[in-house]
Structure formats: structure tokens, C-alpha cells
């Protein structure tokens, strides 16, 4: 697995545009709007970075491999779908850590509940990326994957309260948001940033999302 991880890391580092977009866009938004957007804005930018990685970058990489026949060739090796997906999740989590570290350094302050923030960040980030891996497991090529990802990501952003504050959403949207992974993730991030403890129901939804979507990704994965 270490050899796959090393190779995939090198390939990701070559894709400078996606890394620049994932890391630079939330950082620039924070620098230009953070002073007027309120104390929860850094947590929202962490969420934006994680969503972009999960539904744009990650699915496109694996779907491009499928399109180019890379996965077909890998299917003849001992590499299993679980190992391949785990490597992609790990690499993208590392990118998310780098992006979030920069956001924290550039932001108005540190998360007031750092231990809770790290727990929510890792659990929620892995759950969102597991959702992205389901798309990656099925998308036929690198052009279709980000289209599907965007079709999933933007509604998730809406029900999570990133477009409109949650209290202004219709009741049905709030209910959907409570079980969408993105909703509990956004609220738990904001809570820990403000110094509060994450609510147990939010953590349970994130953990369930990681297990359910991670299992689906492995079972639905296609080499070609």
C-alpha cells in the first residue's frame, strides 16, 4: 500500500490546478470576506474546501484513471478496490489538512475547541469523501464525474445552510439537512470553532455516513 500511496501522491502533486483551486479559493475568500462575514466564516471555508475535494477533485481523478485504462491494468495486480479507495481518501484528507491549516493561520483566531474540531474534521471529512468515492466508483470518465459531483454538492451546500442560513430554510430542507452528512458536519464544525462540544447526534450521522457510503463505494467499484 505504501508504494501505491507514494505513486498517487506524486500524481496528485502534478495536478497543480485542482490543488490551487481547492486550497487557494477558500483562503482568498477568507482573506477578503472574513472581516465582515462573522466568526463562523472560517468554518464555512473549511467546509467549502472539503466539499470541493470530495465531489470535484476526488471523483475526477479515479474516473480519469478508468477512462485511460489505468484501473483496468491495476485490476491485474493484487491491489484491491478497498486499498485503492483508501489511498485516494487518505491523500485527499492530507490536502484538506493543509488547506485547513492555512485557513486557521490566516483566520481571525483558532478553533476554541481544538480537540472537538479535529474529531469533527476527520470524521466529517472522511464521510463526505466516502460519498465522493461512490461517484468515483461508478463514473465512466473524468468529464462526467465532476458533473455528477456538482449535482450532488450544490444541493448539499443548500441544505447545510451554506447558501442561506439554516433558520431561513423550509422545514423539509432542514430535516433533509439534518441527515445529509453535510448538515451535521457544518453545524459541528461551527460549534467546535465557537468552543462548544459537538452534539452526539451529529457525530452519529457522520459516522453512519462514513460506514454506509464507504461500504457502497467498495461494493460498487468498477475497474472499467
C-alpha atoms as a PDB file:
ATOM      1  CA  UNK A   1       0.000   0.000   0.000  1.00  0.00           C
ATOM      2  CA  UNK A   2       2.923   2.347   0.682  1.00  0.00           C
ATOM      3  CA  UNK A   3       4.053   2.100  -2.958  1.00  0.00           C
ATOM      4  CA  UNK A   4       0.556   2.977  -4.224  1.00  0.00           C
ATOM      5  CA  UNK A   5       0.385   5.859  -1.779  1.00  0.00           C
ATOM      6  CA  UNK A   6       3.719   7.244  -2.982  1.00  0.00           C
ATOM      7  CA  UNK A   7       2.779   7.000  -6.668  1.00  0.00           C
ATOM      8  CA  UNK A   8      -0.651   8.543  -6.152  1.00  0.00           C
ATOM      9  CA  UNK A   9       0.814  11.370  -4.095  1.00  0.00           C
ATOM     10  CA  UNK A  10       3.221  12.246  -6.921  1.00  0.00           C
ATOM     11  CA  UNK A  11       0.375  12.211  -9.452  1.00  0.00           C
ATOM     12  CA  UNK A  12      -1.745  14.481  -7.256  1.00  0.00           C
ATOM     13  CA  UNK A  13       1.095  16.954  -6.821  1.00  0.00           C
ATOM     14  CA  UNK A  14       1.413  17.227 -10.608  1.00  0.00           C
ATOM     15  CA  UNK A  15      -2.221  18.360 -10.847  1.00  0.00           C
ATOM     16  CA  UNK A  16      -1.482  21.864  -9.676  1.00  0.00           C
ATOM     17  CA  UNK A  17      -4.723  23.427 -10.879  1.00  0.00           C
ATOM     18  CA  UNK A  18      -7.007  21.305  -8.723  1.00  0.00           C
ATOM     19  CA  UNK A  19      -4.780  21.801  -5.682  1.00  0.00           C
ATOM     20  CA  UNK A  20      -4.648  25.538  -6.315  1.00  0.00           C
ATOM     21  CA  UNK A  21      -8.424  25.735  -6.623  1.00  0.00           C
ATOM     22  CA  UNK A  22      -9.045  23.612  -3.538  1.00  0.00           C
ATOM     23  CA  UNK A  23      -6.564  25.420  -1.325  1.00  0.00           C
ATOM     24  CA  UNK A  24      -6.447  28.945  -2.751  1.00  0.00           C
ATOM     25  CA  UNK A  25     -10.146  29.687  -3.308  1.00  0.00           C
ATOM     26  CA  UNK A  26     -11.316  29.224   0.318  1.00  0.00           C
ATOM     27  CA  UNK A  27      -8.203  31.034   1.538  1.00  0.00           C
ATOM     28  CA  UNK A  28      -8.809  34.045  -0.733  1.00  0.00           C
ATOM     29  CA  UNK A  29     -12.470  34.194   0.282  1.00  0.00           C
ATOM     30  CA  UNK A  30     -11.448  34.161   3.921  1.00  0.00           C
ATOM     31  CA  UNK A  31      -8.863  36.905   3.444  1.00  0.00           C
ATOM     32  CA  UNK A  32     -11.224  39.199   1.539  1.00  0.00           C
ATOM     33  CA  UNK A  33     -14.513  38.475   3.314  1.00  0.00           C
ATOM     34  CA  UNK A  34     -13.512  37.118   6.713  1.00  0.00           C
ATOM     35  CA  UNK A  35     -13.519  40.539   8.346  1.00  0.00           C
ATOM     36  CA  UNK A  36     -17.187  41.172   7.541  1.00  0.00           C
ATOM     37  CA  UNK A  37     -18.647  37.674   7.360  1.00  0.00           C
ATOM     38  CA  UNK A  38     -18.717  36.787  11.062  1.00  0.00           C
ATOM     39  CA  UNK A  39     -16.848  34.417  13.379  1.00  0.00           C
ATOM     40  CA  UNK A  40     -18.261  31.232  11.813  1.00  0.00           C
ATOM     41  CA  UNK A  41     -16.926  32.091   8.340  1.00  0.00           C
ATOM     42  CA  UNK A  42     -13.593  30.205   8.694  1.00  0.00           C
ATOM     43  CA  UNK A  43     -15.515  27.013   9.499  1.00  0.00           C
ATOM     44  CA  UNK A  44     -17.623  27.579   6.374  1.00  0.00           C
ATOM     45  CA  UNK A  45     -14.459  27.880   4.284  1.00  0.00           C
ATOM     46  CA  UNK A  46     -13.169  24.617   5.760  1.00  0.00           C
ATOM     47  CA  UNK A  47     -16.462  23.071   4.683  1.00  0.00           C
ATOM     48  CA  UNK A  48     -16.159  24.533   1.171  1.00  0.00           C
ATOM     49  CA  UNK A  49     -12.654  23.130   0.760  1.00  0.00           C
ATOM     50  CA  UNK A  50     -13.778  19.694   1.925  1.00  0.00           C
ATOM     51  CA  UNK A  51     -16.799  19.672  -0.388  1.00  0.00           C
ATOM     52  CA  UNK A  52     -14.659  20.653  -3.372  1.00  0.00           C
ATOM     53  CA  UNK A  53     -12.192  17.881  -2.680  1.00  0.00           C
ATOM     54  CA  UNK A  54     -14.905  15.305  -2.091  1.00  0.00           C
ATOM     55  CA  UNK A  55     -17.128  16.000  -5.089  1.00  0.00           C
ATOM     56  CA  UNK A  56     -14.876  17.605  -7.716  1.00  0.00           C
ATOM     57  CA  UNK A  57     -11.264  16.526  -7.283  1.00  0.00           C
ATOM     58  CA  UNK A  58     -11.539  13.011  -5.889  1.00  0.00           C
ATOM     59  CA  UNK A  59     -14.165  11.590  -8.307  1.00  0.00           C
ATOM     60  CA  UNK A  60     -12.456  13.151 -11.321  1.00  0.00           C
ATOM     61  CA  UNK A  61      -9.114  11.512 -10.532  1.00  0.00           C
ATOM     62  CA  UNK A  62     -10.429   7.956 -10.310  1.00  0.00           C
ATOM     63  CA  UNK A  63     -12.831   8.377 -13.214  1.00  0.00           C
ATOM     64  CA  UNK A  64      -9.962   9.648 -15.378  1.00  0.00           C
ATOM     65  CA  UNK A  65      -7.948   6.582 -14.402  1.00  0.00           C
ATOM     66  CA  UNK A  66     -10.897   4.432 -15.514  1.00  0.00           C
ATOM     67  CA  UNK A  67     -11.199   6.315 -18.798  1.00  0.00           C
ATOM     68  CA  UNK A  68      -7.487   5.957 -19.552  1.00  0.00           C
ATOM     69  CA  UNK A  69      -7.391   2.243 -18.725  1.00  0.00           C
ATOM     70  CA  UNK A  70      -5.198   2.709 -15.660  1.00  0.00           C
ATOM     71  CA  UNK A  71      -7.691   0.934 -13.414  1.00  0.00           C
ATOM     72  CA  UNK A  72      -8.063  -1.929 -15.869  1.00  0.00           C
ATOM     73  CA  UNK A  73      -4.323  -2.524 -15.707  1.00  0.00           C
ATOM     74  CA  UNK A  74      -4.352  -2.263 -11.925  1.00  0.00           C
ATOM     75  CA  UNK A  75      -7.092  -4.903 -11.752  1.00  0.00           C
ATOM     76  CA  UNK A  76      -4.481  -7.482 -12.832  1.00  0.00           C
ATOM     77  CA  UNK A  77      -2.365  -6.680  -9.752  1.00  0.00           C
ATOM     78  CA  UNK A  78      -3.002  -7.597  -6.102  1.00  0.00           C
ATOM     79  CA  UNK A  79      -4.395  -4.094  -5.477  1.00  0.00           C
ATOM     80  CA  UNK A  80      -7.963  -4.358  -4.156  1.00  0.00           C
ATOM     81  CA  UNK A  81     -10.739  -1.758  -4.575  1.00  0.00           C
ATOM     82  CA  UNK A  82     -10.646  -1.162  -0.821  1.00  0.00           C
ATOM     83  CA  UNK A  83      -6.941  -0.353  -0.893  1.00  0.00           C
ATOM     84  CA  UNK A  84      -7.265   1.891  -3.940  1.00  0.00           C
ATOM     85  CA  UNK A  85     -10.160   3.851  -2.452  1.00  0.00           C
ATOM     86  CA  UNK A  86      -8.458   4.103   0.938  1.00  0.00           C
ATOM     87  CA  UNK A  87      -5.352   5.616  -0.666  1.00  0.00           C
ATOM     88  CA  UNK A  88      -7.429   8.226  -2.501  1.00  0.00           C
ATOM     89  CA  UNK A  89      -9.304   9.113   0.677  1.00  0.00           C
ATOM     90  CA  UNK A  90      -6.085   9.432   2.664  1.00  0.00           C
ATOM     91  CA  UNK A  91      -4.362  11.649   0.084  1.00  0.00           C
ATOM     92  CA  UNK A  92      -7.328  13.990  -0.143  1.00  0.00           C
ATOM     93  CA  UNK A  93      -7.618  14.174   3.633  1.00  0.00           C
ATOM     94  CA  UNK A  94      -3.979  15.279   3.758  1.00  0.00           C
ATOM     95  CA  UNK A  95      -4.731  18.004   1.207  1.00  0.00           C
ATOM     96  CA  UNK A  96      -7.713  19.035   3.335  1.00  0.00           C
ATOM     97  CA  UNK A  97      -5.452  19.241   6.400  1.00  0.00           C
ATOM     98  CA  UNK A  98      -3.054  21.542   4.534  1.00  0.00           C
ATOM     99  CA  UNK A  99      -5.907  23.745   3.326  1.00  0.00           C
ATOM    100  CA  UNK A 100      -7.485  23.915   6.782  1.00  0.00           C
ATOM    101  CA  UNK A 101      -4.159  24.713   8.444  1.00  0.00           C
ATOM    102  CA  UNK A 102      -3.710  27.672   6.104  1.00  0.00           C
ATOM    103  CA  UNK A 103      -7.270  28.819   6.809  1.00  0.00           C
ATOM    104  CA  UNK A 104      -6.663  28.662  10.557  1.00  0.00           C
ATOM    105  CA  UNK A 105      -3.378  30.560  10.280  1.00  0.00           C
ATOM    106  CA  UNK A 106      -4.936  33.240   8.074  1.00  0.00           C
ATOM    107  CA  UNK A 107      -8.187  33.432  10.009  1.00  0.00           C
ATOM    108  CA  UNK A 108      -9.181  35.654  12.905  1.00  0.00           C
ATOM    109  CA  UNK A 109      -8.435  33.005  15.514  1.00  0.00           C
ATOM    110  CA  UNK A 110      -8.042  29.353  16.373  1.00  0.00           C
ATOM    111  CA  UNK A 111     -10.912  26.903  16.935  1.00  0.00           C
ATOM    112  CA  UNK A 112     -11.870  27.315  20.581  1.00  0.00           C
ATOM    113  CA  UNK A 113     -12.444  23.590  20.983  1.00  0.00           C
ATOM    114  CA  UNK A 114      -9.426  22.207  19.100  1.00  0.00           C
ATOM    115  CA  UNK A 115      -9.882  18.568  20.117  1.00  0.00           C
ATOM    116  CA  UNK A 116     -13.534  18.604  19.115  1.00  0.00           C
ATOM    117  CA  UNK A 117     -12.678  20.399  15.884  1.00  0.00           C
ATOM    118  CA  UNK A 118     -10.098  17.774  14.897  1.00  0.00           C
ATOM    119  CA  UNK A 119     -12.548  14.950  15.649  1.00  0.00           C
ATOM    120  CA  UNK A 120     -15.329  16.542  13.598  1.00  0.00           C
ATOM    121  CA  UNK A 121     -12.943  17.490  10.792  1.00  0.00           C
ATOM    122  CA  UNK A 122     -11.568  13.964  10.355  1.00  0.00           C
ATOM    123  CA  UNK A 123     -14.862  12.130  10.805  1.00  0.00           C
ATOM    124  CA  UNK A 124     -16.939  14.512   8.708  1.00  0.00           C
ATOM    125  CA  UNK A 125     -14.276  14.886   6.047  1.00  0.00           C
ATOM    126  CA  UNK A 126     -13.952  11.127   5.684  1.00  0.00           C
ATOM    127  CA  UNK A 127     -17.747  10.776   5.474  1.00  0.00           C
ATOM    128  CA  UNK A 128     -18.024  13.390   2.703  1.00  0.00           C
ATOM    129  CA  UNK A 129     -15.150  11.809   0.818  1.00  0.00           C
ATOM    130  CA  UNK A 130     -16.807   8.419   1.116  1.00  0.00           C
ATOM    131  CA  UNK A 131     -19.792   9.967  -0.680  1.00  0.00           C
ATOM    132  CA  UNK A 132     -17.410  11.233  -3.344  1.00  0.00           C
ATOM    133  CA  UNK A 133     -15.898   7.759  -3.646  1.00  0.00           C
ATOM    134  CA  UNK A 134     -19.319   6.355  -4.538  1.00  0.00           C
ATOM    135  CA  UNK A 135     -19.368   8.726  -7.517  1.00  0.00           C
ATOM    136  CA  UNK A 136     -15.776   7.816  -8.325  1.00  0.00           C
ATOM    137  CA  UNK A 137     -16.630   4.118  -8.157  1.00  0.00           C
ATOM    138  CA  UNK A 138     -19.189   4.431 -10.960  1.00  0.00           C
ATOM    139  CA  UNK A 139     -18.399   7.480 -13.128  1.00  0.00           C
ATOM    140  CA  UNK A 140     -17.253   6.341 -16.602  1.00  0.00           C
ATOM    141  CA  UNK A 141     -14.835   9.189 -17.308  1.00  0.00           C
ATOM    142  CA  UNK A 142     -13.188  12.318 -15.935  1.00  0.00           C
ATOM    143  CA  UNK A 143     -15.648  14.687 -17.592  1.00  0.00           C
ATOM    144  CA  UNK A 144     -18.805  13.113 -16.218  1.00  0.00           C
ATOM    145  CA  UNK A 145     -17.514  12.646 -12.664  1.00  0.00           C
ATOM    146  CA  UNK A 146     -17.307  16.352 -11.679  1.00  0.00           C
ATOM    147  CA  UNK A 147     -20.697  16.990 -13.295  1.00  0.00           C
ATOM    148  CA  UNK A 148     -22.266  14.330 -11.099  1.00  0.00           C
ATOM    149  CA  UNK A 149     -20.268  15.646  -8.161  1.00  0.00           C
ATOM    150  CA  UNK A 150     -21.558  19.181  -8.676  1.00  0.00           C
ATOM    151  CA  UNK A 151     -25.123  17.896  -8.964  1.00  0.00           C
ATOM    152  CA  UNK A 152     -24.684  16.369  -5.512  1.00  0.00           C
ATOM    153  CA  UNK A 153     -22.523  19.073  -3.929  1.00  0.00           C
ATOM    154  CA  UNK A 154     -24.651  22.164  -4.546  1.00  0.00           C
ATOM    155  CA  UNK A 155     -27.873  20.738  -3.039  1.00  0.00           C
ATOM    156  CA  UNK A 156     -25.799  19.557  -0.066  1.00  0.00           C
ATOM    157  CA  UNK A 157     -24.447  23.085   0.356  1.00  0.00           C
ATOM    158  CA  UNK A 158     -28.021  24.402   0.334  1.00  0.00           C
ATOM    159  CA  UNK A 159     -29.432  22.034   2.965  1.00  0.00           C
ATOM    160  CA  UNK A 160     -26.279  22.503   5.063  1.00  0.00           C
ATOM    161  CA  UNK A 161     -27.018  26.214   5.292  1.00  0.00           C
ATOM    162  CA  UNK A 162     -24.034  27.454   3.294  1.00  0.00           C
ATOM    163  CA  UNK A 163     -26.183  29.400   0.807  1.00  0.00           C
ATOM    164  CA  UNK A 164     -28.935  30.516   3.157  1.00  0.00           C
ATOM    165  CA  UNK A 165     -28.799  30.398   6.982  1.00  0.00           C
ATOM    166  CA  UNK A 166     -30.410  27.203   8.209  1.00  0.00           C
ATOM    167  CA  UNK A 167     -33.115  29.017  10.166  1.00  0.00           C
ATOM    168  CA  UNK A 168     -34.453  30.513   6.917  1.00  0.00           C
ATOM    169  CA  UNK A 169     -34.703  27.174   5.113  1.00  0.00           C
ATOM    170  CA  UNK A 170     -38.045  25.408   4.606  1.00  0.00           C
ATOM    171  CA  UNK A 171     -38.817  22.757   7.185  1.00  0.00           C
ATOM    172  CA  UNK A 172     -38.328  19.907   4.720  1.00  0.00           C
ATOM    173  CA  UNK A 173     -34.875  21.253   3.778  1.00  0.00           C
ATOM    174  CA  UNK A 174     -33.888  21.434   7.449  1.00  0.00           C
ATOM    175  CA  UNK A 175     -34.981  17.831   8.001  1.00  0.00           C
ATOM    176  CA  UNK A 176     -33.053  16.645   4.938  1.00  0.00           C
ATOM    177  CA  UNK A 177     -30.069  18.671   6.076  1.00  0.00           C
ATOM    178  CA  UNK A 178     -30.085  17.006   9.491  1.00  0.00           C
ATOM    179  CA  UNK A 179     -29.378  13.622   7.856  1.00  0.00           C
ATOM    180  CA  UNK A 180     -27.332  14.737   4.845  1.00  0.00           C
ATOM    181  CA  UNK A 181     -23.823  14.379   6.377  1.00  0.00           C
ATOM    182  CA  UNK A 182     -23.075  17.900   5.124  1.00  0.00           C
ATOM    183  CA  UNK A 183     -25.582  19.489   7.511  1.00  0.00           C
ATOM    184  CA  UNK A 184     -24.320  17.866  10.718  1.00  0.00           C
ATOM    185  CA  UNK A 185     -20.738  18.398   9.545  1.00  0.00           C
ATOM    186  CA  UNK A 186     -21.246  22.133   9.006  1.00  0.00           C
ATOM    187  CA  UNK A 187     -23.024  22.607  12.333  1.00  0.00           C
ATOM    188  CA  UNK A 188     -20.474  20.558  14.266  1.00  0.00           C
ATOM    189  CA  UNK A 189     -17.582  22.487  12.684  1.00  0.00           C
ATOM    190  CA  UNK A 190     -19.197  25.803  13.612  1.00  0.00           C
ATOM    191  CA  UNK A 191     -19.904  24.590  17.144  1.00  0.00           C
ATOM    192  CA  UNK A 192     -16.352  23.443  17.831  1.00  0.00           C
ATOM    193  CA  UNK A 193     -14.926  26.599  16.259  1.00  0.00           C
ATOM    194  CA  UNK A 194     -17.026  28.590  18.737  1.00  0.00           C
ATOM    195  CA  UNK A 195     -15.769  26.478  21.642  1.00  0.00           C
ATOM    196  CA  UNK A 196     -18.743  24.174  22.076  1.00  0.00           C
ATOM    197  CA  UNK A 197     -18.758  20.399  22.153  1.00  0.00           C
ATOM    198  CA  UNK A 198     -20.102  18.633  19.041  1.00  0.00           C
ATOM    199  CA  UNK A 199     -23.566  17.183  19.550  1.00  0.00           C
ATOM    200  CA  UNK A 200     -23.679  13.388  19.702  1.00  0.00           C
ATOM    201  CA  UNK A 201     -26.442  13.093  17.025  1.00  0.00           C
ATOM    202  CA  UNK A 202     -24.232  14.991  14.595  1.00  0.00           C
ATOM    203  CA  UNK A 203     -21.301  12.657  15.256  1.00  0.00           C
ATOM    204  CA  UNK A 204     -23.541   9.618  14.823  1.00  0.00           C
ATOM    205  CA  UNK A 205     -24.764  10.847  11.431  1.00  0.00           C
ATOM    206  CA  UNK A 206     -21.174  11.437  10.314  1.00  0.00           C
ATOM    207  CA  UNK A 207     -20.060   8.002  11.491  1.00  0.00           C
ATOM    208  CA  UNK A 208     -23.047   6.344   9.806  1.00  0.00           C
ATOM    209  CA  UNK A 209     -22.320   8.223   6.584  1.00  0.00           C
ATOM    210  CA  UNK A 210     -18.709   7.052   6.577  1.00  0.00           C
ATOM    211  CA  UNK A 211     -19.713   3.409   7.086  1.00  0.00           C
ATOM    212  CA  UNK A 212     -22.646   3.389   4.638  1.00  0.00           C
ATOM    213  CA  UNK A 213     -21.041   5.310   1.780  1.00  0.00           C
ATOM    214  CA  UNK A 214     -17.643   3.721   2.304  1.00  0.00           C
ATOM    215  CA  UNK A 215     -19.209   0.262   2.033  1.00  0.00           C
ATOM    216  CA  UNK A 216     -21.182   1.289  -1.051  1.00  0.00           C
ATOM    217  CA  UNK A 217     -18.058   2.663  -2.724  1.00  0.00           C
ATOM    218  CA  UNK A 218     -16.171  -0.600  -2.234  1.00  0.00           C
ATOM    219  CA  UNK A 219     -19.056  -2.772  -3.400  1.00  0.00           C
ATOM    220  CA  UNK A 220     -19.942  -0.651  -6.431  1.00  0.00           C
ATOM    221  CA  UNK A 221     -16.367  -0.007  -7.553  1.00  0.00           C
ATOM    222  CA  UNK A 222     -15.670  -0.852 -11.213  1.00  0.00           C
ATOM    223  CA  UNK A 223     -12.215  -1.208 -12.684  1.00  0.00           C
ATOM    224  CA  UNK A 224     -13.513  -0.378 -16.178  1.00  0.00           C
END
